[in-house]
Amino acid sequence: MKINHDYIKNLLLAIESANDARPYLTEVLNNLDLQEFNQEFLLHYELVLDYGFIQTLSDSSDGIHQGADGEISWSDIPIRLTATGHEFIELMNQNEIWEIIKSDFKNSSIKTIFSVAKSLAEGFAKKKIESILS
């Protein structure tokens, strides 16, 4: 299954838009109009965990369980956006940056996208500062 950058953005936005700073997975799923985990959610949820955009608040679990029969189940645990997750959302919400990412970096890794987005934001900020100072 391929990474869908729009899905990652929407997943993070679903967490950000929750009513609590530490929403439970059911609220996140509801914000995505899902009733249950599906494979697409699972892939992208685990990726945002891997990249440190979110953090579970359970000492022993990411909320995902796979039985010996391969069946996936989940626990309704609280999660939170990390500072890195908030920063990534802020960058993705800048239309100029998001459009460049989608057109020129659509097959890039999340790590590359985050790096490019930060570089673009810095470049746009420098141009803005130069126009203010001149």
C-alpha atoms as a PDB file:
ATOM      1  CA  MET A   1       0.000   0.000   0.000  1.00  0.00           C
ATOM      2  CA  LYS A   2       1.363   3.423  -0.960  1.00  0.00           C
ATOM      3  CA  ILE A   3       1.648   6.417   1.320  1.00  0.00           C
ATOM      4  CA  ASN A   4      -1.008   9.026   0.657  1.00  0.00           C
ATOM      5  CA  HIS A   5       0.206  12.470   1.738  1.00  0.00           C
ATOM      6  CA  ASP A   6      -3.339  13.879   1.728  1.00  0.00           C
ATOM      7  CA  TYR A   7      -4.386  11.099   4.084  1.00  0.00           C
ATOM      8  CA  ILE A   8      -1.549  11.934   6.472  1.00  0.00           C
ATOM      9  CA  LYS A   9      -2.519  15.589   6.402  1.00  0.00           C
ATOM     10  CA  ASN A  10      -6.188  14.730   7.018  1.00  0.00           C
ATOM     11  CA  LEU A  11      -5.297  12.332   9.826  1.00  0.00           C
ATOM     12  CA  LEU A  12      -3.250  14.985  11.598  1.00  0.00           C
ATOM     13  CA  LEU A  13      -6.006  17.555  11.056  1.00  0.00           C
ATOM     14  CA  ALA A  14      -8.520  15.095  12.507  1.00  0.00           C
ATOM     15  CA  ILE A  15      -6.393  14.851  15.639  1.00  0.00           C
ATOM     16  CA  GLU A  16      -5.881  18.611  15.795  1.00  0.00           C
ATOM     17  CA  SER A  17      -9.613  19.292  15.437  1.00  0.00           C
ATOM     18  CA  ALA A  18     -10.536  17.008  18.327  1.00  0.00           C
ATOM     19  CA  ASN A  19     -12.319  18.488  21.322  1.00  0.00           C
ATOM     20  CA  ASP A  20      -9.558  17.386  23.680  1.00  0.00           C
ATOM     21  CA  ALA A  21      -5.813  17.910  23.668  1.00  0.00           C
ATOM     22  CA  ARG A  22      -5.533  14.158  24.166  1.00  0.00           C
ATOM     23  CA  PRO A  23      -8.286  12.633  22.045  1.00  0.00           C
ATOM     24  CA  TYR A  24      -9.112   8.972  22.062  1.00  0.00           C
ATOM     25  CA  LEU A  25      -8.773   7.023  18.835  1.00  0.00           C
ATOM     26  CA  THR A  26     -12.574   6.772  18.487  1.00  0.00           C
ATOM     27  CA  GLU A  27     -12.818  10.566  18.248  1.00  0.00           C
ATOM     28  CA  VAL A  28     -10.073  10.652  15.622  1.00  0.00           C
ATOM     29  CA  LEU A  29     -11.827   7.926  13.631  1.00  0.00           C
ATOM     30  CA  ASN A  30     -15.123   9.827  13.915  1.00  0.00           C
ATOM     31  CA  ASN A  31     -13.417  13.003  12.690  1.00  0.00           C
ATOM     32  CA  LEU A  32     -12.337  11.010   9.621  1.00  0.00           C
ATOM     33  CA  ASP A  33     -15.881   9.620   9.174  1.00  0.00           C
ATOM     34  CA  LEU A  34     -14.676   6.103   9.990  1.00  0.00           C
ATOM     35  CA  GLN A  35     -16.354   3.634  12.315  1.00  0.00           C
ATOM     36  CA  GLU A  36     -13.454   1.202  12.472  1.00  0.00           C
ATOM     37  CA  PHE A  37      -9.807   0.956  11.578  1.00  0.00           C
ATOM     38  CA  ASN A  38      -9.142   0.075   7.973  1.00  0.00           C
ATOM     39  CA  GLN A  39      -5.844  -0.764   6.303  1.00  0.00           C
ATOM     40  CA  GLU A  40      -5.370   2.789   4.999  1.00  0.00           C
ATOM     41  CA  PHE A  41      -5.885   4.251   8.467  1.00  0.00           C
ATOM     42  CA  LEU A  42      -3.571   1.656   9.985  1.00  0.00           C
ATOM     43  CA  LEU A  43      -0.736   2.400   7.540  1.00  0.00           C
ATOM     44  CA  HIS A  44      -0.902   6.156   8.024  1.00  0.00           C
ATOM     45  CA  TYR A  45      -1.503   6.019  11.793  1.00  0.00           C
ATOM     46  CA  GLU A  46       1.624   3.931  12.230  1.00  0.00           C
ATOM     47  CA  LEU A  47       3.605   6.264   9.955  1.00  0.00           C
ATOM     48  CA  VAL A  48       2.705   9.384  11.930  1.00  0.00           C
ATOM     49  CA  LEU A  49       3.731   7.479  15.048  1.00  0.00           C
ATOM     50  CA  ASP A  50       7.018   6.437  13.408  1.00  0.00           C
ATOM     51  CA  TYR A  51       7.823  10.024  12.440  1.00  0.00           C
ATOM     52  CA  GLY A  52       6.992  11.365  15.885  1.00  0.00           C
ATOM     53  CA  PHE A  53       4.045  13.506  14.757  1.00  0.00           C
ATOM     54  CA  ILE A  54       1.835  11.867  17.363  1.00  0.00           C
ATOM     55  CA  GLN A  55       2.426  10.048  20.589  1.00  0.00           C
ATOM     56  CA  THR A  56       0.305   7.538  22.434  1.00  0.00           C
ATOM     57  CA  LEU A  57      -0.310   8.075  26.102  1.00  0.00           C
ATOM     58  CA  SER A  58      -0.174   4.407  26.893  1.00  0.00           C
ATOM     59  CA  ASP A  59       3.094   3.109  28.298  1.00  0.00           C
ATOM     60  CA  SER A  60       2.782  -0.235  26.595  1.00  0.00           C
ATOM     61  CA  SER A  61       0.737   0.146  23.447  1.00  0.00           C
ATOM     62  CA  ASP A  62       0.150   2.089  20.268  1.00  0.00           C
ATOM     63  CA  GLY A  63      -3.425   0.810  20.447  1.00  0.00           C
ATOM     64  CA  ILE A  64      -2.961  -1.726  17.648  1.00  0.00           C
ATOM     65  CA  HIS A  65      -2.998  -5.455  18.333  1.00  0.00           C
ATOM     66  CA  GLN A  66      -2.451  -8.281  15.887  1.00  0.00           C
ATOM     67  CA  GLY A  67      -3.494 -11.742  16.922  1.00  0.00           C
ATOM     68  CA  ALA A  68      -1.776 -14.980  15.988  1.00  0.00           C
ATOM     69  CA  ASP A  69      -4.413 -15.398  13.281  1.00  0.00           C
ATOM     70  CA  GLY A  70      -3.384 -12.061  11.748  1.00  0.00           C
ATOM     71  CA  GLU A  71      -6.598 -10.356  12.846  1.00  0.00           C
ATOM     72  CA  ILE A  72      -6.106  -6.682  13.747  1.00  0.00           C
ATOM     73  CA  SER A  73      -7.865  -5.195  16.743  1.00  0.00           C
ATOM     74  CA  TRP A  74      -7.411  -1.900  18.512  1.00  0.00           C
ATOM     75  CA  SER A  75      -7.788  -0.281  21.894  1.00  0.00           C
ATOM     76  CA  ASP A  76      -9.371   3.113  22.338  1.00  0.00           C
ATOM     77  CA  ILE A  77      -6.352   4.874  23.816  1.00  0.00           C
ATOM     78  CA  PRO A  78      -5.637   8.596  24.067  1.00  0.00           C
ATOM     79  CA  ILE A  79      -3.061  10.139  21.746  1.00  0.00           C
ATOM     80  CA  ARG A  80      -1.577  13.593  21.336  1.00  0.00           C
ATOM     81  CA  LEU A  81       0.023  15.693  18.640  1.00  0.00           C
ATOM     82  CA  THR A  82       3.676  16.334  19.394  1.00  0.00           C
ATOM     83  CA  ALA A  83       5.363  19.688  18.774  1.00  0.00           C
ATOM     84  CA  THR A  84       6.695  18.178  15.546  1.00  0.00           C
ATOM     85  CA  GLY A  85       3.169  17.158  14.564  1.00  0.00           C
ATOM     86  CA  HIS A  86       1.884  20.687  15.144  1.00  0.00           C
ATOM     87  CA  GLU A  87       4.776  22.081  13.108  1.00  0.00           C
ATOM     88  CA  PHE A  88       4.064  19.669  10.245  1.00  0.00           C
ATOM     89  CA  ILE A  89       0.363  20.656  10.219  1.00  0.00           C
ATOM     90  CA  GLU A  90       1.282  24.347  10.199  1.00  0.00           C
ATOM     91  CA  LEU A  91       3.513  23.794   7.166  1.00  0.00           C
ATOM     92  CA  MET A  92       0.937  21.673   5.337  1.00  0.00           C
ATOM     93  CA  ASN A  93      -1.742  24.307   5.934  1.00  0.00           C
ATOM     94  CA  GLN A  94       0.256  26.869   3.962  1.00  0.00           C
ATOM     95  CA  ASN A  95      -1.326  26.580   0.515  1.00  0.00           C
ATOM     96  CA  GLU A  96       1.829  27.567  -1.380  1.00  0.00           C
ATOM     97  CA  ILE A  97       3.850  24.895   0.377  1.00  0.00           C
ATOM     98  CA  TRP A  98       1.190  22.201   0.080  1.00  0.00           C
ATOM     99  CA  GLU A  99       0.726  22.802  -3.660  1.00  0.00           C
ATOM    100  CA  ILE A 100       4.485  22.546  -4.268  1.00  0.00           C
ATOM    101  CA  ILE A 101       4.653  19.348  -2.208  1.00  0.00           C
ATOM    102  CA  LYS A 102       1.730  17.795  -4.097  1.00  0.00           C
ATOM    103  CA  SER A 103       3.074  18.702  -7.539  1.00  0.00           C
ATOM    104  CA  ASP A 104       6.860  18.439  -7.208  1.00  0.00           C
ATOM    105  CA  PHE A 105       7.357  15.994  -4.324  1.00  0.00           C
ATOM    106  CA  LYS A 106       4.318  13.715  -4.582  1.00  0.00           C
ATOM    107  CA  ASN A 107       6.399  10.519  -4.463  1.00  0.00           C
ATOM    108  CA  SER A 108       8.811  11.662  -1.762  1.00  0.00           C
ATOM    109  CA  SER A 109       9.114  10.251   1.716  1.00  0.00           C
ATOM    110  CA  ILE A 110       7.492  11.964   4.660  1.00  0.00           C
ATOM    111  CA  LYS A 111      10.944  12.871   5.950  1.00  0.00           C
ATOM    112  CA  THR A 112      11.765  14.589   2.638  1.00  0.00           C
ATOM    113  CA  ILE A 113       8.409  16.366   2.539  1.00  0.00           C
ATOM    114  CA  PHE A 114       8.885  17.701   6.060  1.00  0.00           C
ATOM    115  CA  SER A 115      12.407  18.889   5.215  1.00  0.00           C
ATOM    116  CA  VAL A 116      11.295  20.524   1.955  1.00  0.00           C
ATOM    117  CA  ALA A 117       8.298  22.148   3.636  1.00  0.00           C
ATOM    118  CA  LYS A 118      10.523  23.653   6.334  1.00  0.00           C
ATOM    119  CA  SER A 119      12.967  24.931   3.709  1.00  0.00           C
ATOM    120  CA  LEU A 120      10.146  26.441   1.656  1.00  0.00           C
ATOM    121  CA  ALA A 121       8.652  28.121   4.727  1.00  0.00           C
ATOM    122  CA  GLU A 122      12.044  29.591   5.620  1.00  0.00           C
ATOM    123  CA  GLY A 123      12.522  30.820   2.042  1.00  0.00           C
ATOM    124  CA  PHE A 124       9.065  32.404   1.938  1.00  0.00           C
ATOM    125  CA  ALA A 125       9.683  34.020   5.328  1.00  0.00           C
ATOM    126  CA  LYS A 126      13.035  35.464   4.182  1.00  0.00           C
ATOM    127  CA  LYS A 127      11.387  36.957   1.087  1.00  0.00           C
ATOM    128  CA  LYS A 128       8.626  38.437   3.243  1.00  0.00           C
ATOM    129  CA  ILE A 129      11.158  39.931   5.670  1.00  0.00           C
ATOM    130  CA  GLU A 130      13.156  41.406   2.778  1.00  0.00           C
ATOM    131  CA  SER A 131      10.016  43.033   1.350  1.00  0.00           C
ATOM    132  CA  ILE A 132       9.104  44.468   4.754  1.00  0.00           C
ATOM    133  CA  LEU A 133      12.598  45.872   5.299  1.00  0.00           C
ATOM    134  CA  SER A 134      13.023  47.416   1.841  1.00  0.00           C
END
